[in-house]
Amino acid sequence: MDHVAVLALFDREMRECARPDGPGAVVERMGGVVRQVGAGQGWSGVLWSDLAETDADAMIAEQVRYFAELGREFEWKLYGHDLPVDLGRRLRAAGLTPEPEETLMIADCGELRLDAQPPEGIELRTVTDSAGVDLVADVHEQAFGTDSSRLRHQLLAQLDADPDTVVAVVALAGGVPVSSARMEFTPGTRFAGLWGGGTVPDWRGRGIYRALVAHRARIAADRGYRYIQVDASDQSRPILQRLGFAPLTTTTPYVYAPR
């Protein structure tokens, strides 16, 4: 895989030419910024920017003003190769708070190791209804220690409006949910995205996460997607590398919450 070419393709298809990520979401283009305004509890933020040192501060201030007037929290998704090189410092100066850095990892489906199977006693079940969404959300809260109300709302809306754009899977041990994950598809692009993979503490280290990655990757390949991307934490990065994912750059969410 040509890392430079694939990163450029990702920037173009998934950021500069981004599509709304859910029902009711709107993607807007303003000068050197591409932003999304989510519907209801949906995600809002800046997906892509092409800023010069001379206009970066003004464009950042405009996004802060815009989302503040909407009364919306928003996220500026900063990638390690974005310009200007001090964009992170400028975002902090404008009142945005950085969250933990992750690694953008991408794999060519044809080069992935997809033979990982769930450990004995684990059943993978595809989510199709609100009861399944509740299982995914409950696992998410246990795995990450964060509120899952936004995830629950977004996943329900996606399954209701266009189920072909998302696949959610829950791993069950004796009927008890112990891990979950989802994958999102953007029609017209070559990328499928892995999101939200998490396992409750007592079940980590048994190969469930690895099996969920392989399971979703097989689905993406069957649907004709060329690449799979994931924002990887330090914990998931080595597992993904062993499966065939390559680290291409970093990604850091900068969050602004209106007063």
Protein backbone atom coordinates (compact mmCIF):
# COMPACT_ATOMS: atom_id res chain seq x y z
CA MET A 1 0.00 0.00 0.00
CA ASP A 2 1.31 3.43 -0.99
CA HIS A 3 0.89 5.29 2.31
CA VAL A 4 1.23 8.79 0.85
CA ALA A 5 -1.28 8.14 -1.93
CA VAL A 6 -3.79 6.45 0.38
CA LEU A 7 -3.61 9.28 2.92
CA ALA A 8 -4.23 11.80 0.13
CA LEU A 9 -7.19 9.72 -1.05
CA PHE A 10 -8.56 9.57 2.50
CA ASP A 11 -8.23 13.35 2.85
CA ARG A 12 -10.10 13.90 -0.40
CA GLU A 13 -12.89 11.33 -0.09
CA MET A 14 -13.55 11.29 3.66
CA ARG A 15 -12.70 14.84 4.69
CA GLU A 16 -12.69 17.44 1.90
CA CYS A 17 -15.62 15.76 0.09
CA ALA A 18 -17.28 14.43 3.26
CA ARG A 19 -20.89 13.27 3.23
CA PRO A 20 -23.26 13.68 6.21
CA ASP A 21 -22.69 10.85 8.69
CA GLY A 22 -26.34 10.37 9.63
CA PRO A 23 -29.95 11.34 8.97
CA GLY A 24 -30.57 15.07 9.23
CA ALA A 25 -26.88 15.98 9.38
CA VAL A 26 -25.68 18.74 7.06
CA VAL A 27 -22.18 19.20 5.64
CA GLU A 28 -21.23 22.80 4.84
CA ARG A 29 -18.23 24.21 2.97
CA MET A 30 -16.93 27.64 3.87
CA GLY A 31 -13.68 28.80 2.36
CA GLY A 32 -10.98 26.50 3.65
CA VAL A 33 -13.22 24.62 6.09
CA VAL A 34 -15.58 21.66 5.75
CA ARG A 35 -17.87 21.26 8.76
CA GLN A 36 -20.86 19.17 9.78
CA VAL A 37 -23.85 20.19 11.82
CA GLY A 38 -25.43 17.07 13.26
CA ALA A 39 -29.14 16.58 13.82
CA GLY A 40 -30.33 16.35 17.41
CA GLN A 41 -27.58 14.66 19.42
CA GLY A 42 -25.54 13.94 16.28
CA TRP A 43 -21.88 14.86 15.88
CA SER A 44 -20.95 18.41 14.90
CA GLY A 45 -17.51 19.63 13.99
CA VAL A 46 -14.81 20.48 11.48
CA LEU A 47 -13.81 17.58 9.26
CA TRP A 48 -11.23 19.21 7.01
CA SER A 49 -9.40 22.49 6.70
CA ASP A 50 -6.94 24.08 4.31
CA LEU A 51 -5.71 27.16 6.14
CA ALA A 52 -2.80 29.52 5.70
CA GLU A 53 -0.98 31.15 8.60
CA THR A 54 -2.54 34.48 7.63
CA ASP A 55 -6.18 33.34 7.83
CA ALA A 56 -6.13 30.44 10.31
CA ASP A 57 -7.03 32.43 13.43
CA ALA A 58 -9.91 34.21 11.71
CA MET A 59 -11.32 30.95 10.37
CA ILE A 60 -11.06 29.28 13.77
CA ALA A 61 -12.84 32.24 15.38
CA GLU A 62 -15.58 31.99 12.76
CA GLN A 63 -16.24 28.32 13.58
CA VAL A 64 -16.35 29.09 17.31
CA ARG A 65 -18.81 31.93 16.68
CA TYR A 66 -20.94 29.81 14.33
CA PHE A 67 -21.37 26.83 16.63
CA ALA A 68 -21.74 29.04 19.72
CA GLU A 69 -24.67 30.81 18.07
CA LEU A 70 -26.22 27.39 17.45
CA GLY A 71 -25.61 26.48 21.10
CA ARG A 72 -23.75 23.39 19.93
CA GLU A 73 -20.62 21.72 21.22
CA PHE A 74 -18.31 20.97 18.34
CA GLU A 75 -15.11 19.08 17.61
CA TRP A 76 -12.27 20.17 15.35
CA LYS A 77 -10.75 16.93 14.10
CA LEU A 78 -7.07 17.79 13.72
CA TYR A 79 -4.76 15.46 11.80
CA GLY A 80 -1.02 15.37 12.22
CA HIS A 81 -0.31 16.62 8.69
CA ASP A 82 -2.81 19.51 8.74
CA LEU A 83 -1.52 23.03 8.16
CA PRO A 84 -0.43 25.40 9.47
CA VAL A 85 1.93 23.33 11.60
CA ASP A 86 0.89 25.18 14.77
CA LEU A 87 -2.84 24.66 14.20
CA GLY A 88 -3.17 22.79 17.50
CA ARG A 89 -1.71 25.74 19.42
CA ARG A 90 -4.08 28.11 17.63
CA LEU A 91 -7.08 25.92 18.50
CA ARG A 92 -6.09 25.88 22.17
CA ALA A 93 -5.70 29.66 22.11
CA ALA A 94 -9.27 29.93 20.76
CA GLY A 95 -10.62 27.95 23.72
CA LEU A 96 -10.74 24.42 22.33
CA THR A 97 -9.57 21.56 24.54
CA PRO A 98 -7.56 18.63 23.11
CA GLU A 99 -8.60 15.09 23.92
CA PRO A 100 -6.21 12.09 23.77
CA GLU A 101 -4.33 11.67 20.51
CA GLU A 102 -5.11 8.62 18.39
CA THR A 103 -3.50 7.08 15.31
CA LEU A 104 -5.20 7.01 11.92
CA MET A 105 -4.65 3.47 10.67
CA ILE A 106 -5.69 2.20 7.24
CA ALA A 107 -5.58 -1.23 5.65
CA ASP A 108 -6.13 -2.53 2.15
CA CYS A 109 -8.79 -5.23 2.46
CA GLY A 110 -6.82 -7.45 0.13
CA GLU A 111 -3.80 -7.38 2.44
CA LEU A 112 -5.57 -8.01 5.77
CA ARG A 113 -5.44 -11.16 7.84
CA LEU A 114 -9.12 -11.99 8.18
CA ASP A 115 -8.97 -15.46 9.69
CA ALA A 116 -9.37 -14.39 13.35
CA GLN A 117 -12.39 -16.13 14.89
CA PRO A 118 -14.17 -15.48 18.20
CA PRO A 119 -12.81 -17.44 21.17
CA GLU A 120 -14.77 -20.49 22.31
CA GLY A 121 -18.07 -19.57 23.97
CA ILE A 122 -18.36 -16.16 22.25
CA GLU A 123 -21.20 -15.49 19.82
CA LEU A 124 -21.12 -12.49 17.45
CA ARG A 125 -24.58 -11.09 16.80
CA THR A 126 -25.48 -8.37 14.29
CA VAL A 127 -27.64 -5.59 15.74
CA THR A 128 -30.89 -4.84 13.92
CA ASP A 129 -33.25 -3.29 16.49
CA SER A 130 -33.47 -1.07 19.56
CA ALA A 131 -32.83 -3.98 21.93
CA GLY A 132 -29.55 -4.68 20.18
CA VAL A 133 -28.63 -1.00 20.23
CA ASP A 134 -29.14 -1.00 23.99
CA LEU A 135 -26.66 -3.88 24.29
CA VAL A 136 -24.07 -2.00 22.22
CA ALA A 137 -24.56 1.17 24.27
CA ASP A 138 -24.35 -0.68 27.59
CA VAL A 139 -21.07 -2.34 26.60
CA HIS A 140 -19.74 1.03 25.43
CA GLU A 141 -20.39 2.56 28.84
CA GLN A 142 -18.70 -0.31 30.66
CA ALA A 143 -15.71 -0.40 28.29
CA PHE A 144 -15.01 3.33 28.10
CA GLY A 145 -16.65 4.73 31.22
CA THR A 146 -18.51 7.38 29.23
CA ASP A 147 -22.14 8.21 28.64
CA SER A 148 -23.55 6.43 25.59
CA SER A 149 -26.74 8.42 25.00
CA ARG A 150 -25.35 10.07 21.85
CA LEU A 151 -24.20 6.70 20.49
CA ARG A 152 -27.59 5.14 21.21
CA HIS A 153 -29.43 8.01 19.46
CA GLN A 154 -27.12 8.02 16.43
CA LEU A 155 -27.14 4.26 15.90
CA LEU A 156 -30.92 4.02 16.18
CA ALA A 157 -31.30 6.85 13.66
CA GLN A 158 -28.89 5.20 11.21
CA LEU A 159 -30.54 1.79 11.44
CA ASP A 160 -33.97 3.35 10.95
CA ALA A 161 -33.10 5.70 8.08
CA ASP A 162 -30.51 3.73 6.11
CA PRO A 163 -29.40 0.40 7.59
CA ASP A 164 -27.03 -0.20 4.66
CA THR A 165 -24.70 2.51 5.97
CA VAL A 166 -23.91 0.90 9.32
CA VAL A 167 -23.19 -2.53 10.81
CA ALA A 168 -23.17 -2.95 14.58
CA VAL A 169 -22.07 -6.17 16.27
CA VAL A 170 -22.25 -7.33 19.87
CA ALA A 171 -20.24 -10.21 21.32
CA LEU A 172 -22.12 -12.38 23.80
CA ALA A 173 -20.74 -14.79 26.39
CA GLY A 174 -23.54 -17.06 27.58
CA GLY A 175 -26.03 -14.44 26.44
CA VAL A 176 -24.25 -11.63 28.33
CA PRO A 177 -22.86 -8.76 26.20
CA VAL A 178 -19.10 -8.40 26.74
CA SER A 179 -17.90 -6.50 23.66
CA SER A 180 -19.33 -4.43 20.83
CA ALA A 181 -18.29 -2.49 17.78
CA ARG A 182 -19.69 -0.88 14.67
CA MET A 183 -18.69 -0.10 11.09
CA GLU A 184 -19.89 2.78 8.93
CA PHE A 185 -20.01 2.86 5.14
CA THR A 186 -19.88 5.97 2.97
CA PRO A 187 -21.36 5.14 -0.45
CA GLY A 188 -19.31 6.48 -3.33
CA THR A 189 -16.01 6.21 -1.45
CA ARG A 190 -13.45 3.45 -1.13
CA PHE A 191 -13.36 3.55 2.67
CA ALA A 192 -15.27 1.77 5.42
CA GLY A 193 -14.69 2.99 8.97
CA LEU A 194 -14.36 0.95 12.16
CA TRP A 195 -15.70 2.67 15.29
CA GLY A 196 -16.43 2.06 18.92
CA GLY A 197 -14.72 -1.29 19.41
CA GLY A 198 -14.63 -1.94 23.15
CA THR A 199 -14.62 -4.87 25.57
CA VAL A 200 -15.67 -4.87 29.22
CA PRO A 201 -12.64 -5.13 31.55
CA ASP A 202 -13.10 -8.74 32.69
CA TRP A 203 -13.09 -10.04 29.11
CA ARG A 204 -10.09 -8.20 27.67
CA GLY A 205 -7.04 -10.00 26.37
CA ARG A 206 -8.96 -13.00 25.00
CA GLY A 207 -9.02 -12.10 21.30
CA ILE A 208 -12.57 -10.73 21.12
CA TYR A 209 -11.56 -7.32 19.79
CA ARG A 210 -9.36 -8.97 17.15
CA ALA A 211 -12.28 -11.19 16.08
CA LEU A 212 -14.62 -8.18 15.83
CA VAL A 213 -12.14 -6.35 13.60
CA ALA A 214 -11.77 -9.34 11.29
CA HIS A 215 -15.54 -9.92 11.22
CA ARG A 216 -16.26 -6.35 10.17
CA ALA A 217 -13.39 -6.31 7.66
CA ARG A 218 -14.82 -9.38 5.94
CA ILE A 219 -18.15 -7.58 5.60
CA ALA A 220 -16.45 -4.50 4.11
CA ALA A 221 -14.54 -6.63 1.61
CA ASP A 222 -17.72 -8.48 0.61
CA ARG A 223 -19.39 -5.11 -0.06
CA GLY A 224 -16.58 -4.05 -2.35
CA TYR A 225 -14.77 -1.52 -0.17
CA ARG A 226 -11.05 -1.24 -0.88
CA TYR A 227 -9.82 0.30 2.39
CA ILE A 228 -10.71 0.22 6.07
CA GLN A 229 -9.80 3.06 8.41
CA VAL A 230 -9.83 3.33 12.18
CA ASP A 231 -8.82 5.94 14.76
CA ALA A 232 -6.76 3.68 16.99
CA SER A 233 -5.96 4.09 20.67
CA ASP A 234 -2.60 3.01 22.06
CA GLN A 235 -4.29 -0.20 23.26
CA SER A 236 -5.76 -1.19 19.90
CA ARG A 237 -2.89 -0.06 17.67
CA PRO A 238 -0.65 -3.16 18.15
CA ILE A 239 -3.59 -5.51 17.54
CA LEU A 240 -4.49 -3.68 14.34
CA GLN A 241 -0.89 -3.70 13.13
CA ARG A 242 -0.72 -7.46 13.56
CA LEU A 243 -3.85 -7.77 11.42
CA GLY A 244 -2.31 -5.65 8.63
CA PHE A 245 -3.27 -2.04 9.38
CA ALA A 246 -0.65 0.67 8.84
CA PRO A 247 -0.33 3.90 10.86
CA LEU A 248 -0.50 6.88 8.49
CA THR A 249 -0.85 9.93 10.76
CA THR A 250 -2.23 11.06 14.10
CA THR A 251 -5.65 12.50 14.85
CA THR A 252 -6.62 14.62 17.83
CA PRO A 253 -10.12 15.88 18.65
CA TYR A 254 -10.20 19.48 19.85
CA VAL A 255 -13.52 20.15 21.59
CA TYR A 256 -15.33 23.42 22.21
CA ALA A 257 -18.29 23.57 24.57
CA PRO A 258 -20.27 26.84 24.49
CA ARG A 259 -20.77 28.54 27.82
